[in-house]
């Protein structure tokens, strides 16, 4: 089962990233803006391609009150 994707900070570059579908996505230098972009990325249904991703989607809905599987 995959780990739940969470944003992480790369100090040498001063940027926030998240790994989705095996690729690192640059979320930018500002923490608040990075987490907002992160929520938007998770809300896109094309980021889900396995059953474990939908389990993670349920957790996102619990934590953030958004449904990442809806269009």
PDB file of N, CA and C in Angstrom:
ATOM      1  N   UNK A   1       0.841  -1.178   0.000  1.00  0.00           N
ATOM      2  CA  UNK A   1       0.000   0.000   0.000  1.00  0.00           C
ATOM      3  C   UNK A   1       0.893   1.251   0.000  1.00  0.00           C
ATOM      4  N   UNK A   2       0.518   2.205  -0.809  1.00  0.00           N
ATOM      5  CA  UNK A   2       1.285   3.442  -0.905  1.00  0.00           C
ATOM      6  C   UNK A   2       1.147   4.296   0.338  1.00  0.00           C
ATOM      7  N   UNK A   3       2.143   5.139   0.535  1.00  0.00           N
ATOM      8  CA  UNK A   3       2.058   6.122   1.612  1.00  0.00           C
ATOM      9  C   UNK A   3       1.155   7.267   1.162  1.00  0.00           C
ATOM     10  N   UNK A   4       0.542   7.926   2.116  1.00  0.00           N
ATOM     11  CA  UNK A   4      -0.282   9.088   1.831  1.00  0.00           C
ATOM     12  C   UNK A   4       0.631  10.242   1.413  1.00  0.00           C
ATOM     13  N   UNK A   5       0.379  10.891   0.257  1.00  0.00           N
ATOM     14  CA  UNK A   5       1.256  11.986  -0.181  1.00  0.00           C
ATOM     15  C   UNK A   5       1.109  13.222   0.701  1.00  0.00           C
ATOM     16  N   UNK A   6       2.236  13.694   1.219  1.00  0.00           N
ATOM     17  CA  UNK A   6       2.229  14.894   2.058  1.00  0.00           C
ATOM     18  C   UNK A   6       3.274  15.872   1.535  1.00  0.00           C
ATOM     19  N   UNK A   7       3.009  17.161   1.601  1.00  0.00           N
ATOM     20  CA  UNK A   7       4.020  18.138   1.194  1.00  0.00           C
ATOM     21  C   UNK A   7       5.250  18.066   2.092  1.00  0.00           C
ATOM     22  N   UNK A   8       6.393  18.336   1.504  1.00  0.00           N
ATOM     23  CA  UNK A   8       7.648  18.357   2.246  1.00  0.00           C
ATOM     24  C   UNK A   8       8.501  19.512   1.723  1.00  0.00           C
ATOM     25  N   UNK A   9       9.372  20.010   2.599  1.00  0.00           N
ATOM     26  CA  UNK A   9      10.181  21.181   2.295  1.00  0.00           C
ATOM     27  C   UNK A   9      11.608  20.775   1.956  1.00  0.00           C
ATOM     28  N   UNK A  10      12.138  21.337   0.880  1.00  0.00           N
ATOM     29  CA  UNK A  10      13.525  21.100   0.480  1.00  0.00           C
ATOM     30  C   UNK A  10      14.323  22.362   0.822  1.00  0.00           C
ATOM     31  N   UNK A  11      15.045  22.357   1.956  1.00  0.00           N
ATOM     32  CA  UNK A  11      15.716  23.561   2.449  1.00  0.00           C
ATOM     33  C   UNK A  11      16.738  24.180   1.498  1.00  0.00           C
ATOM     34  N   UNK A  12      17.510  23.349   0.795  1.00  0.00           N
ATOM     35  CA  UNK A  12      18.541  23.892  -0.097  1.00  0.00           C
ATOM     36  C   UNK A  12      17.943  24.737  -1.226  1.00  0.00           C
ATOM     37  N   UNK A  13      16.748  24.389  -1.654  1.00  0.00           N
ATOM     38  CA  UNK A  13      16.081  25.145  -2.718  1.00  0.00           C
ATOM     39  C   UNK A  13      15.055  26.126  -2.171  1.00  0.00           C
ATOM     40  N   UNK A  14      14.665  25.921  -0.912  1.00  0.00           N
ATOM     41  CA  UNK A  14      13.669  26.795  -0.309  1.00  0.00           C
ATOM     42  C   UNK A  14      12.289  26.617  -0.909  1.00  0.00           C
ATOM     43  N   UNK A  15      11.970  25.376  -1.309  1.00  0.00           N
ATOM     44  CA  UNK A  15      10.698  25.096  -1.985  1.00  0.00           C
ATOM     45  C   UNK A  15       9.968  23.925  -1.331  1.00  0.00           C
ATOM     46  N   UNK A  16       8.642  23.958  -1.446  1.00  0.00           N
ATOM     47  CA  UNK A  16       7.782  22.862  -0.993  1.00  0.00           C
ATOM     48  C   UNK A  16       7.484  21.963  -2.182  1.00  0.00           C
ATOM     49  N   UNK A  17       7.443  20.651  -1.930  1.00  0.00           N
ATOM     50  CA  UNK A  17       7.143  19.654  -2.949  1.00  0.00           C
ATOM     51  C   UNK A  17       6.151  18.639  -2.403  1.00  0.00           C
ATOM     52  N   UNK A  18       5.499  17.940  -3.325  1.00  0.00           N
ATOM     53  CA  UNK A  18       4.717  16.755  -2.985  1.00  0.00           C
ATOM     54  C   UNK A  18       4.976  15.741  -4.091  1.00  0.00           C
ATOM     55  N   UNK A  19       5.022  14.460  -3.737  1.00  0.00           N
ATOM     56  CA  UNK A  19       5.217  13.410  -4.728  1.00  0.00           C
ATOM     57  C   UNK A  19       3.868  12.786  -5.043  1.00  0.00           C
ATOM     58  N   UNK A  20       3.435  12.928  -6.298  1.00  0.00           N
ATOM     59  CA  UNK A  20       2.170  12.367  -6.766  1.00  0.00           C
ATOM     60  C   UNK A  20       2.444  11.495  -7.979  1.00  0.00           C
ATOM     61  N   UNK A  21       1.939  10.281  -7.943  1.00  0.00           N
ATOM     62  CA  UNK A  21       2.115   9.324  -9.039  1.00  0.00           C
ATOM     63  C   UNK A  21       3.579   9.186  -9.443  1.00  0.00           C
ATOM     64  N   UNK A  22       4.471   9.175  -8.455  1.00  0.00           N
ATOM     65  CA  UNK A  22       5.875   8.955  -8.710  1.00  0.00           C
ATOM     66  C   UNK A  22       6.658  10.161  -9.211  1.00  0.00           C
ATOM     67  N   UNK A  23       6.029  11.323  -9.274  1.00  0.00           N
ATOM     68  CA  UNK A  23       6.786  12.502  -9.712  1.00  0.00           C
ATOM     69  C   UNK A  23       6.679  13.604  -8.665  1.00  0.00           C
ATOM     70  N   UNK A  24       7.761  14.354  -8.516  1.00  0.00           N
ATOM     71  CA  UNK A  24       7.796  15.431  -7.537  1.00  0.00           C
ATOM     72  C   UNK A  24       7.217  16.696  -8.170  1.00  0.00           C
ATOM     73  N   UNK A  25       6.233  17.267  -7.477  1.00  0.00           N
ATOM     74  CA  UNK A  25       5.570  18.477  -7.961  1.00  0.00           C
ATOM     75  C   UNK A  25       6.012  19.642  -7.091  1.00  0.00           C
ATOM     76  N   UNK A  26       6.556  20.689  -7.727  1.00  0.00           N
ATOM     77  CA  UNK A  26       6.991  21.894  -7.031  1.00  0.00           C
ATOM     78  C   UNK A  26       5.754  22.698  -6.631  1.00  0.00           C
ATOM     79  N   UNK A  27       5.612  22.963  -5.326  1.00  0.00           N
ATOM     80  CA  UNK A  27       4.472  23.728  -4.821  1.00  0.00           C
ATOM     81  C   UNK A  27       4.832  25.177  -4.513  1.00  0.00           C
ATOM     82  N   UNK A  28       6.100  25.538  -4.662  1.00  0.00           N
ATOM     83  CA  UNK A  28       6.530  26.911  -4.446  1.00  0.00           C
ATOM     84  C   UNK A  28       7.149  27.152  -3.079  1.00  0.00           C
ATOM     85  N   UNK A  29       7.619  28.392  -2.845  1.00  0.00           N
ATOM     86  CA  UNK A  29       8.337  28.701  -1.608  1.00  0.00           C
ATOM     87  C   UNK A  29       7.448  29.056  -0.414  1.00  0.00           C
ATOM     88  N   UNK A  30       6.246  29.514  -0.659  1.00  0.00           N
ATOM     89  CA  UNK A  30       5.362  29.951   0.416  1.00  0.00           C
ATOM     90  C   UNK A  30       4.565  28.773   0.965  1.00  0.00           C
ATOM     91  N   UNK A  31       4.662  28.526   2.274  1.00  0.00           N
ATOM     92  CA  UNK A  31       4.021  27.353   2.879  1.00  0.00           C
ATOM     93  C   UNK A  31       2.503  27.361   2.704  1.00  0.00           C
ATOM     94  N   UNK A  32       1.863  28.484   3.004  1.00  0.00           N
ATOM     95  CA  UNK A  32       0.394  28.542   2.892  1.00  0.00           C
ATOM     96  C   UNK A  32      -0.064  28.320   1.456  1.00  0.00           C
ATOM     97  N   UNK A  33       0.590  28.979   0.510  1.00  0.00           N
ATOM     98  CA  UNK A  33       0.231  28.815  -0.899  1.00  0.00           C
ATOM     99  C   UNK A  33       0.514  27.389  -1.367  1.00  0.00           C
ATOM    100  N   UNK A  34       1.605  26.808  -0.868  1.00  0.00           N
ATOM    101  CA  UNK A  34       1.960  25.438  -1.234  1.00  0.00           C
ATOM    102  C   UNK A  34       0.884  24.451  -0.776  1.00  0.00           C
ATOM    103  N   UNK A  35       0.410  24.619   0.449  1.00  0.00           N
ATOM    104  CA  UNK A  35      -0.628  23.710   0.946  1.00  0.00           C
ATOM    105  C   UNK A  35      -1.956  23.915   0.223  1.00  0.00           C
ATOM    106  N   UNK A  36      -2.222  25.130  -0.201  1.00  0.00           N
ATOM    107  CA  UNK A  36      -3.444  25.399  -0.967  1.00  0.00           C
ATOM    108  C   UNK A  36      -3.354  24.711  -2.332  1.00  0.00           C
ATOM    109  N   UNK A  37      -2.199  24.824  -2.980  1.00  0.00           N
ATOM    110  CA  UNK A  37      -1.998  24.158  -4.270  1.00  0.00           C
ATOM    111  C   UNK A  37      -2.055  22.641  -4.097  1.00  0.00           C
ATOM    112  N   UNK A  38      -1.517  22.149  -2.995  1.00  0.00           N
ATOM    113  CA  UNK A  38      -1.556  20.725  -2.670  1.00  0.00           C
ATOM    114  C   UNK A  38      -3.003  20.223  -2.600  1.00  0.00           C
ATOM    115  N   UNK A  39      -3.844  20.976  -1.916  1.00  0.00           N
ATOM    116  CA  UNK A  39      -5.266  20.600  -1.817  1.00  0.00           C
ATOM    117  C   UNK A  39      -5.912  20.569  -3.195  1.00  0.00           C
ATOM    118  N   UNK A  40      -5.571  21.536  -4.037  1.00  0.00           N
ATOM    119  CA  UNK A  40      -6.138  21.585  -5.386  1.00  0.00           C
ATOM    120  C   UNK A  40      -5.670  20.393  -6.215  1.00  0.00           C
ATOM    121  N   UNK A  41      -4.402  20.031  -6.095  1.00  0.00           N
ATOM    122  CA  UNK A  41      -3.888  18.874  -6.823  1.00  0.00           C
ATOM    123  C   UNK A  41      -4.590  17.593  -6.394  1.00  0.00           C
ATOM    124  N   UNK A  42      -4.811  17.449  -5.102  1.00  0.00           N
ATOM    125  CA  UNK A  42      -5.491  16.249  -4.615  1.00  0.00           C
ATOM    126  C   UNK A  42      -6.957  16.213  -5.031  1.00  0.00           C
ATOM    127  N   UNK A  43      -7.534  17.374  -5.288  1.00  0.00           N
ATOM    128  CA  UNK A  43      -8.933  17.447  -5.697  1.00  0.00           C
ATOM    129  C   UNK A  43      -9.132  17.022  -7.150  1.00  0.00           C
ATOM    130  N   UNK A  44      -8.045  16.951  -7.919  1.00  0.00           N
ATOM    131  CA  UNK A  44      -8.146  16.525  -9.319  1.00  0.00           C
ATOM    132  C   UNK A  44      -8.269  15.007  -9.375  1.00  0.00           C
ATOM    133  N   UNK A  45      -9.363  14.500  -9.957  1.00  0.00           N
ATOM    134  CA  UNK A  45      -9.585  13.047  -9.956  1.00  0.00           C
ATOM    135  C   UNK A  45      -8.546  12.253 -10.734  1.00  0.00           C
ATOM    136  N   UNK A  46      -7.834  12.846 -11.669  1.00  0.00           N
ATOM    137  CA  UNK A  46      -6.859  12.087 -12.446  1.00  0.00           C
ATOM    138  C   UNK A  46      -5.631  11.702 -11.635  1.00  0.00           C
ATOM    139  N   UNK A  47      -5.516  12.151 -10.397  1.00  0.00           N
ATOM    140  CA  UNK A  47      -4.398  11.757  -9.546  1.00  0.00           C
ATOM    141  C   UNK A  47      -4.642  10.409  -8.877  1.00  0.00           C
ATOM    142  N   UNK A  48      -5.792   9.797  -9.114  1.00  0.00           N
ATOM    143  CA  UNK A  48      -6.138   8.550  -8.442  1.00  0.00           C
ATOM    144  C   UNK A  48      -6.184   7.427  -9.448  1.00  0.00           C
ATOM    145  N   UNK A  49      -5.345   6.413  -9.232  1.00  0.00           N
ATOM    146  CA  UNK A  49      -5.342   5.298 -10.168  1.00  0.00           C
ATOM    147  C   UNK A  49      -5.222   3.938  -9.489  1.00  0.00           C
ATOM    148  N   UNK A  50      -5.507   3.869  -8.193  1.00  0.00           N
ATOM    149  CA  UNK A  50      -5.535   2.582  -7.513  1.00  0.00           C
ATOM    150  C   UNK A  50      -6.494   2.647  -6.317  1.00  0.00           C
ATOM    151  N   UNK A  51      -6.859   1.498  -5.817  1.00  0.00           N
ATOM    152  CA  UNK A  51      -7.796   1.448  -4.691  1.00  0.00           C
ATOM    153  C   UNK A  51      -7.227   2.146  -3.460  1.00  0.00           C
ATOM    154  N   UNK A  52      -5.926   2.023  -3.232  1.00  0.00           N
ATOM    155  CA  UNK A  52      -5.331   2.660  -2.058  1.00  0.00           C
ATOM    156  C   UNK A  52      -5.407   4.177  -2.155  1.00  0.00           C
ATOM    157  N   UNK A  53      -5.402   4.712  -3.385  1.00  0.00           N
ATOM    158  CA  UNK A  53      -5.549   6.157  -3.558  1.00  0.00           C
ATOM    159  C   UNK A  53      -6.924   6.612  -3.097  1.00  0.00           C
ATOM    160  N   UNK A  54      -7.950   5.790  -3.320  1.00  0.00           N
ATOM    161  CA  UNK A  54      -9.285   6.167  -2.886  1.00  0.00           C
ATOM    162  C   UNK A  54      -9.419   6.091  -1.373  1.00  0.00           C
ATOM    163  N   UNK A  55      -8.671   5.210  -0.742  1.00  0.00           N
ATOM    164  CA  UNK A  55      -8.635   5.180   0.726  1.00  0.00           C
ATOM    165  C   UNK A  55      -8.035   6.488   1.227  1.00  0.00           C
ATOM    166  N   UNK A  56      -6.974   6.931   0.571  1.00  0.00           N
ATOM    167  CA  UNK A  56      -6.352   8.212   0.928  1.00  0.00           C
ATOM    168  C   UNK A  56      -7.341   9.349   0.691  1.00  0.00           C
ATOM    169  N   UNK A  57      -8.127   9.263  -0.361  1.00  0.00           N
ATOM    170  CA  UNK A  57      -9.110  10.307  -0.657  1.00  0.00           C
ATOM    171  C   UNK A  57     -10.124  10.425   0.477  1.00  0.00           C
ATOM    172  N   UNK A  58     -10.521   9.299   1.046  1.00  0.00           N
ATOM    173  CA  UNK A  58     -11.442   9.338   2.186  1.00  0.00           C
ATOM    174  C   UNK A  58     -10.812  10.063   3.369  1.00  0.00           C
ATOM    175  N   UNK A  59      -9.528   9.842   3.568  1.00  0.00           N
ATOM    176  CA  UNK A  59      -8.814  10.501   4.673  1.00  0.00           C
ATOM    177  C   UNK A  59      -8.715  12.015   4.428  1.00  0.00           C
ATOM    178  N   UNK A  60      -8.485  12.405   3.197  1.00  0.00           N
ATOM    179  CA  UNK A  60      -8.425  13.831   2.841  1.00  0.00           C
ATOM    180  C   UNK A  60      -9.771  14.482   3.125  1.00  0.00           C
ATOM    181  N   UNK A  61     -10.824  13.787   2.751  1.00  0.00           N
ATOM    182  CA  UNK A  61     -12.169  14.315   2.989  1.00  0.00           C
ATOM    183  C   UNK A  61     -12.401  14.519   4.481  1.00  0.00           C
ATOM    184  N   UNK A  62     -11.948  13.564   5.288  1.00  0.00           N
ATOM    185  CA  UNK A  62     -12.064  13.676   6.745  1.00  0.00           C
ATOM    186  C   UNK A  62     -11.290  14.879   7.279  1.00  0.00           C
ATOM    187  N   UNK A  63     -10.043  15.004   6.849  1.00  0.00           N
ATOM    188  CA  UNK A  63      -9.152  16.031   7.385  1.00  0.00           C
ATOM    189  C   UNK A  63      -9.463  17.440   6.887  1.00  0.00           C
ATOM    190  N   UNK A  64      -9.727  17.571   5.583  1.00  0.00           N
ATOM    191  CA  UNK A  64      -9.845  18.901   4.991  1.00  0.00           C
ATOM    192  C   UNK A  64     -11.269  19.269   4.573  1.00  0.00           C
ATOM    193  N   UNK A  65     -12.186  18.330   4.644  1.00  0.00           N
ATOM    194  CA  UNK A  65     -13.563  18.630   4.284  1.00  0.00           C
ATOM    195  C   UNK A  65     -13.779  18.803   2.795  1.00  0.00           C
ATOM    196  N   UNK A  66     -12.839  18.277   1.975  1.00  0.00           N
ATOM    197  CA  UNK A  66     -13.011  18.335   0.529  1.00  0.00           C
ATOM    198  C   UNK A  66     -13.097  16.919  -0.015  1.00  0.00           C
ATOM    199  N   UNK A  67     -13.769  16.759  -1.134  1.00  0.00           N
ATOM    200  CA  UNK A  67     -13.889  15.454  -1.755  1.00  0.00           C
ATOM    201  C   UNK A  67     -12.990  15.427  -2.983  1.00  0.00           C
ATOM    202  N   UNK A  68     -11.782  14.850  -2.891  1.00  0.00           N
ATOM    203  CA  UNK A  68     -10.853  14.864  -4.003  1.00  0.00           C
ATOM    204  C   UNK A  68     -11.283  13.990  -5.187  1.00  0.00           C
ATOM    205  N   UNK A  69     -12.301  13.172  -5.032  1.00  0.00           N
ATOM    206  CA  UNK A  69     -12.735  12.311  -6.133  1.00  0.00           C
ATOM    207  C   UNK A  69     -13.862  12.934  -6.949  1.00  0.00           C
ATOM    208  N   UNK A  70     -14.418  14.042  -6.482  1.00  0.00           N
ATOM    209  CA  UNK A  70     -15.493  14.664  -7.248  1.00  0.00           C
ATOM    210  C   UNK A  70     -14.927  15.613  -8.288  1.00  0.00           C
ATOM    211  N   UNK A  71     -15.652  15.798  -9.358  1.00  0.00           N
ATOM    212  CA  UNK A  71     -15.183  16.669 -10.451  1.00  0.00           C
ATOM    213  C   UNK A  71     -15.476  18.106 -10.188  1.00  0.00           C
TER     214      UNK A  71
END
